[in-house]
Amino acid sequence: MNKSNHNKMKKGYWIGNVIEIKNEERWNNYLTKYFQIEEKHKNEQTGNYLPVLTGQPKGKIQGSDLMFAAVVEFNSLQDAINCHNSKEYQEALNELGDNPGETVVRNLSIFEGS
């Protein structure tokens, strides 16, 4: 491995899996705000909120059926954490209500790339 690759910062990722949407209106309000954040970061070329993949799975190998899955890239693990905790993303999350599980059943995890 050359030195430049060794010192390169690892990317951060959000990996989301939607299993069931229980309240379409709240979920759509969340998505509207989320996509506004994504568009803002795209226009400002921050390198964050980059969709790597989104959509319905084309097949299932094991586990629960998924309605939707997404992988979103960030400049670093810390950026992925900071963006999750940001005021703008927390406002989007608020659209899911006081108990988000009543709106959507999903898994959302943060990973550091290899």
C-alpha atoms as a PDB file:
ATOM      1  CA  MET A   1       0.000   0.000   0.000  1.00  0.00           C
ATOM      2  CA  ASN A   2       1.456   3.349  -0.908  1.00  0.00           C
ATOM      3  CA  LYS A   3       1.656   6.091   1.672  1.00  0.00           C
ATOM      4  CA  SER A   4      -1.013   8.329   0.112  1.00  0.00           C
ATOM      5  CA  ASN A   5      -3.651   5.584   0.348  1.00  0.00           C
ATOM      6  CA  HIS A   6      -2.608   4.714   3.883  1.00  0.00           C
ATOM      7  CA  ASN A   7      -3.218   8.270   5.130  1.00  0.00           C
ATOM      8  CA  LYS A   8      -6.486   8.754   3.236  1.00  0.00           C
ATOM      9  CA  MET A   9      -9.413   9.349   5.601  1.00  0.00           C
ATOM     10  CA  LYS A  10     -11.990   6.592   5.608  1.00  0.00           C
ATOM     11  CA  LYS A  11     -15.501   7.498   4.504  1.00  0.00           C
ATOM     12  CA  GLY A  12     -18.516   7.307   6.806  1.00  0.00           C
ATOM     13  CA  TYR A  13     -21.808   5.707   5.831  1.00  0.00           C
ATOM     14  CA  TRP A  14     -25.410   5.570   6.929  1.00  0.00           C
ATOM     15  CA  ILE A  15     -27.079   2.298   6.078  1.00  0.00           C
ATOM     16  CA  GLY A  16     -30.848   2.320   6.328  1.00  0.00           C
ATOM     17  CA  ASN A  17     -33.325  -0.499   5.872  1.00  0.00           C
ATOM     18  CA  VAL A  18     -37.055   0.208   5.899  1.00  0.00           C
ATOM     19  CA  ILE A  19     -39.125  -2.812   6.854  1.00  0.00           C
ATOM     20  CA  GLU A  20     -42.583  -1.264   7.229  1.00  0.00           C
ATOM     21  CA  ILE A  21     -44.125   2.181   6.829  1.00  0.00           C
ATOM     22  CA  LYS A  22     -46.995   2.641   9.276  1.00  0.00           C
ATOM     23  CA  ASN A  23     -47.792   6.314   8.668  1.00  0.00           C
ATOM     24  CA  GLU A  24     -47.304   7.391   5.043  1.00  0.00           C
ATOM     25  CA  GLU A  25     -47.925  11.085   5.725  1.00  0.00           C
ATOM     26  CA  ARG A  26     -45.282  11.371   8.449  1.00  0.00           C
ATOM     27  CA  TRP A  27     -42.821   9.249   6.454  1.00  0.00           C
ATOM     28  CA  ASN A  28     -43.307  11.434   3.359  1.00  0.00           C
ATOM     29  CA  ASN A  29     -42.815  14.594   5.455  1.00  0.00           C
ATOM     30  CA  TYR A  30     -39.535  13.128   6.756  1.00  0.00           C
ATOM     31  CA  LEU A  31     -38.411  12.229   3.222  1.00  0.00           C
ATOM     32  CA  THR A  32     -39.239  15.722   1.943  1.00  0.00           C
ATOM     33  CA  LYS A  33     -36.999  17.303   4.583  1.00  0.00           C
ATOM     34  CA  TYR A  34     -34.305  14.658   4.125  1.00  0.00           C
ATOM     35  CA  PHE A  35     -34.144  15.207   0.359  1.00  0.00           C
ATOM     36  CA  GLN A  36     -33.925  18.991   0.931  1.00  0.00           C
ATOM     37  CA  ILE A  37     -30.843  18.363   3.106  1.00  0.00           C
ATOM     38  CA  GLU A  38     -29.358  16.041   0.482  1.00  0.00           C
ATOM     39  CA  GLU A  39     -29.972  18.607  -2.284  1.00  0.00           C
ATOM     40  CA  LYS A  40     -28.428  21.420  -0.203  1.00  0.00           C
ATOM     41  CA  HIS A  41     -25.244  19.410   0.368  1.00  0.00           C
ATOM     42  CA  LYS A  42     -25.108  18.443  -3.312  1.00  0.00           C
ATOM     43  CA  ASN A  43     -25.417  22.093  -4.392  1.00  0.00           C
ATOM     44  CA  GLU A  44     -22.793  23.178  -1.856  1.00  0.00           C
ATOM     45  CA  GLN A  45     -20.527  20.268  -2.876  1.00  0.00           C
ATOM     46  CA  THR A  46     -19.809  19.343   0.755  1.00  0.00           C
ATOM     47  CA  GLY A  47     -19.154  15.693  -0.064  1.00  0.00           C
ATOM     48  CA  ASN A  48     -21.754  14.635   2.503  1.00  0.00           C
ATOM     49  CA  TYR A  49     -25.189  13.039   2.051  1.00  0.00           C
ATOM     50  CA  LEU A  50     -24.115  11.324  -1.188  1.00  0.00           C
ATOM     51  CA  PRO A  51     -26.523   8.527  -2.095  1.00  0.00           C
ATOM     52  CA  VAL A  52     -24.521   5.414  -2.967  1.00  0.00           C
ATOM     53  CA  LEU A  53     -27.587   3.248  -3.432  1.00  0.00           C
ATOM     54  CA  THR A  54     -31.283   3.687  -2.826  1.00  0.00           C
ATOM     55  CA  GLY A  55     -34.308   1.683  -3.746  1.00  0.00           C
ATOM     56  CA  GLN A  56     -36.092  -1.576  -3.349  1.00  0.00           C
ATOM     57  CA  PRO A  57     -33.948  -4.687  -2.957  1.00  0.00           C
ATOM     58  CA  LYS A  58     -33.883  -6.874  -6.057  1.00  0.00           C
ATOM     59  CA  GLY A  59     -33.788 -10.039  -3.988  1.00  0.00           C
ATOM     60  CA  LYS A  60     -33.517 -11.386  -0.481  1.00  0.00           C
ATOM     61  CA  ILE A  61     -30.823 -13.746   0.715  1.00  0.00           C
ATOM     62  CA  GLN A  62     -31.781 -13.841   4.393  1.00  0.00           C
ATOM     63  CA  GLY A  63     -33.740 -11.852   6.979  1.00  0.00           C
ATOM     64  CA  SER A  64     -36.782  -9.612   6.951  1.00  0.00           C
ATOM     65  CA  ASP A  65     -38.419  -8.381   3.772  1.00  0.00           C
ATOM     66  CA  LEU A  66     -37.368  -4.800   3.049  1.00  0.00           C
ATOM     67  CA  MET A  67     -39.489  -2.133   1.427  1.00  0.00           C
ATOM     68  CA  PHE A  68     -36.527   0.151   0.821  1.00  0.00           C
ATOM     69  CA  ALA A  69     -32.803   0.362   1.511  1.00  0.00           C
ATOM     70  CA  ALA A  70     -30.242   3.144   1.283  1.00  0.00           C
ATOM     71  CA  VAL A  71     -26.521   3.668   1.692  1.00  0.00           C
ATOM     72  CA  VAL A  72     -25.452   7.290   2.096  1.00  0.00           C
ATOM     73  CA  GLU A  73     -21.791   8.379   2.010  1.00  0.00           C
ATOM     74  CA  PHE A  74     -20.080  11.047   4.110  1.00  0.00           C
ATOM     75  CA  ASN A  75     -16.535  12.417   4.067  1.00  0.00           C
ATOM     76  CA  SER A  76     -15.697  10.622   7.309  1.00  0.00           C
ATOM     77  CA  LEU A  77     -17.207   8.660  10.168  1.00  0.00           C
ATOM     78  CA  GLN A  78     -17.242  11.859  12.230  1.00  0.00           C
ATOM     79  CA  ASP A  79     -19.124  13.691   9.469  1.00  0.00           C
ATOM     80  CA  ALA A  80     -21.692  10.858   9.378  1.00  0.00           C
ATOM     81  CA  ILE A  81     -22.192  11.202  13.142  1.00  0.00           C
ATOM     82  CA  ASN A  82     -22.242  15.007  13.058  1.00  0.00           C
ATOM     83  CA  CYS A  83     -24.751  15.084  10.194  1.00  0.00           C
ATOM     84  CA  HIS A  84     -27.032  12.694  12.082  1.00  0.00           C
ATOM     85  CA  ASN A  85     -26.860  14.951  15.135  1.00  0.00           C
ATOM     86  CA  SER A  86     -27.201  18.199  13.144  1.00  0.00           C
ATOM     87  CA  LYS A  87     -30.137  20.535  13.695  1.00  0.00           C
ATOM     88  CA  GLU A  88     -31.287  20.117  10.085  1.00  0.00           C
ATOM     89  CA  TYR A  89     -31.410  16.313  10.274  1.00  0.00           C
ATOM     90  CA  GLN A  90     -32.995  16.315  13.730  1.00  0.00           C
ATOM     91  CA  GLU A  91     -35.752  18.539  12.303  1.00  0.00           C
ATOM     92  CA  ALA A  92     -36.335  15.921   9.593  1.00  0.00           C
ATOM     93  CA  LEU A  93     -36.431  13.170  12.237  1.00  0.00           C
ATOM     94  CA  ASN A  94     -39.024  15.167  14.189  1.00  0.00           C
ATOM     95  CA  GLU A  95     -41.397  14.563  11.270  1.00  0.00           C
ATOM     96  CA  LEU A  96     -41.523  10.902  12.333  1.00  0.00           C
ATOM     97  CA  GLY A  97     -43.257  11.927  15.566  1.00  0.00           C
ATOM     98  CA  ASP A  98     -42.545  11.418  19.258  1.00  0.00           C
ATOM     99  CA  ASN A  99     -42.315   7.661  18.758  1.00  0.00           C
ATOM    100  CA  PRO A 100     -40.732   7.048  15.321  1.00  0.00           C
ATOM    101  CA  GLY A 101     -41.568   3.330  15.583  1.00  0.00           C
ATOM    102  CA  GLU A 102     -45.226   4.279  15.194  1.00  0.00           C
ATOM    103  CA  THR A 103     -44.358   5.806  11.811  1.00  0.00           C
ATOM    104  CA  VAL A 104     -41.749   3.449  10.378  1.00  0.00           C
ATOM    105  CA  VAL A 105     -40.030   0.191  11.274  1.00  0.00           C
ATOM    106  CA  ARG A 106     -36.441   0.556  10.122  1.00  0.00           C
ATOM    107  CA  ASN A 107     -32.824   0.049  10.977  1.00  0.00           C
ATOM    108  CA  LEU A 108     -30.415   2.958  10.603  1.00  0.00           C
ATOM    109  CA  SER A 109     -26.743   2.364  11.358  1.00  0.00           C
ATOM    110  CA  ILE A 110     -23.528   4.351  10.955  1.00  0.00           C
ATOM    111  CA  PHE A 111     -20.395   2.635   9.646  1.00  0.00           C
ATOM    112  CA  GLU A 112     -16.820   3.555   8.849  1.00  0.00           C
ATOM    113  CA  GLY A 113     -15.601   2.430   5.435  1.00  0.00           C
ATOM    114  CA  SER A 114     -12.699   0.045   5.016  1.00  0.00           C
END
